[in-house]
Protein backbone atom coordinates (compact mmCIF):
# COMPACT_ATOMS: atom_id res chain seq x y z
CA UNK A 1 56.78 -64.03 47.43
CA UNK A 2 59.99 -62.34 47.97
CA UNK A 3 60.57 -59.54 50.12
CA UNK A 4 60.69 -57.05 47.60
CA UNK A 5 57.43 -58.32 46.12
CA UNK A 6 55.98 -57.71 49.50
CA UNK A 7 57.30 -54.34 49.98
CA UNK A 8 55.90 -53.54 46.53
CA UNK A 9 52.56 -54.84 47.17
CA UNK A 10 52.38 -52.95 50.51
CA UNK A 11 53.24 -49.64 49.10
CA UNK A 12 50.64 -50.01 46.28
CA UNK A 13 48.35 -50.80 49.31
CA UNK A 14 49.45 -47.51 51.13
CA UNK A 15 49.17 -45.42 48.02
CA UNK A 16 45.98 -46.53 46.07
CA UNK A 17 44.01 -48.76 48.33
CA UNK A 18 43.70 -46.75 51.64
CA UNK A 19 42.69 -43.38 49.91
CA UNK A 20 40.32 -45.42 47.61
CA UNK A 21 38.63 -46.64 50.56
CA UNK A 22 38.34 -43.45 52.31
CA UNK A 23 37.09 -41.95 49.21
CA UNK A 24 34.12 -44.57 49.08
CA UNK A 25 33.34 -44.18 52.99
CA UNK A 26 33.17 -40.54 52.44
CA UNK A 27 30.93 -40.70 49.49
CA UNK A 28 28.54 -43.00 51.55
CA UNK A 29 28.94 -40.60 54.46
CA UNK A 30 27.85 -37.89 52.22
CA UNK A 31 24.86 -40.07 50.89
CA UNK A 32 23.89 -40.70 54.27
CA UNK A 33 23.83 -36.97 55.67
CA UNK A 34 22.43 -35.26 52.51
CA UNK A 35 19.64 -37.91 51.67
CA UNK A 36 18.67 -39.98 54.46
CA UNK A 37 19.09 -37.81 57.52
CA UNK A 38 18.32 -34.66 55.65
CA UNK A 39 21.42 -32.71 57.16
CA UNK A 40 22.68 -30.23 54.65
CA UNK A 41 25.09 -28.46 56.87
CA UNK A 42 28.57 -27.63 56.31
CA UNK A 43 29.44 -29.50 59.40
CA UNK A 44 27.94 -32.85 57.89
CA UNK A 45 29.89 -32.29 54.80
CA UNK A 46 33.13 -31.92 56.65
CA UNK A 47 32.46 -34.78 58.96
CA UNK A 48 31.64 -36.96 55.84
CA UNK A 49 35.08 -35.87 54.26
CA UNK A 50 37.31 -36.85 57.16
CA UNK A 51 37.55 -40.40 56.11
CA UNK A 52 39.01 -39.37 52.75
CA UNK A 53 41.45 -36.99 54.35
CA UNK A 54 42.38 -39.59 56.76
CA UNK A 55 43.12 -41.87 54.05
CA UNK A 56 45.27 -39.24 52.18
CA UNK A 57 47.26 -38.65 55.23
CA UNK A 58 47.98 -42.26 55.75
CA UNK A 59 49.19 -42.71 52.15
CA UNK A 60 52.00 -40.00 52.67
CA UNK A 61 54.49 -42.16 54.11
CA UNK A 62 54.15 -44.78 51.45
CA UNK A 63 55.14 -41.95 48.69
CA UNK A 64 58.30 -41.46 50.60
CA UNK A 65 58.60 -45.34 51.13
CA UNK A 66 58.34 -45.85 47.51
CA UNK A 67 60.96 -43.14 46.54
CA UNK A 68 63.45 -44.68 49.01
CA UNK A 69 62.93 -48.41 47.77
CA UNK A 70 63.49 -47.22 44.18
CA UNK A 71 66.91 -45.62 45.37
CA UNK A 72 67.52 -48.69 47.27
CA UNK A 73 66.84 -50.80 44.22
CA UNK A 74 69.02 -48.91 41.87
CA UNK A 75 72.20 -48.83 44.32
CA UNK A 76 71.75 -52.77 44.68
CA UNK A 77 71.99 -53.20 40.96
């Protein structure tokens, strides 16, 4: 695997996989708070959405990294 392929795979991981995993954990958190523990408060909803928010925040550098990688690839050609 070349360095460019590794870079592209890491960008894909940051942009797609991390927020998707955060969304899955958030859905599980909502299910836990709403159905199993019976807590219907706003704080429980906010607390269960934190993993998705963190996933989106972690993916922000990947968007910039993708843009810079494309600029670098065009300069190289």
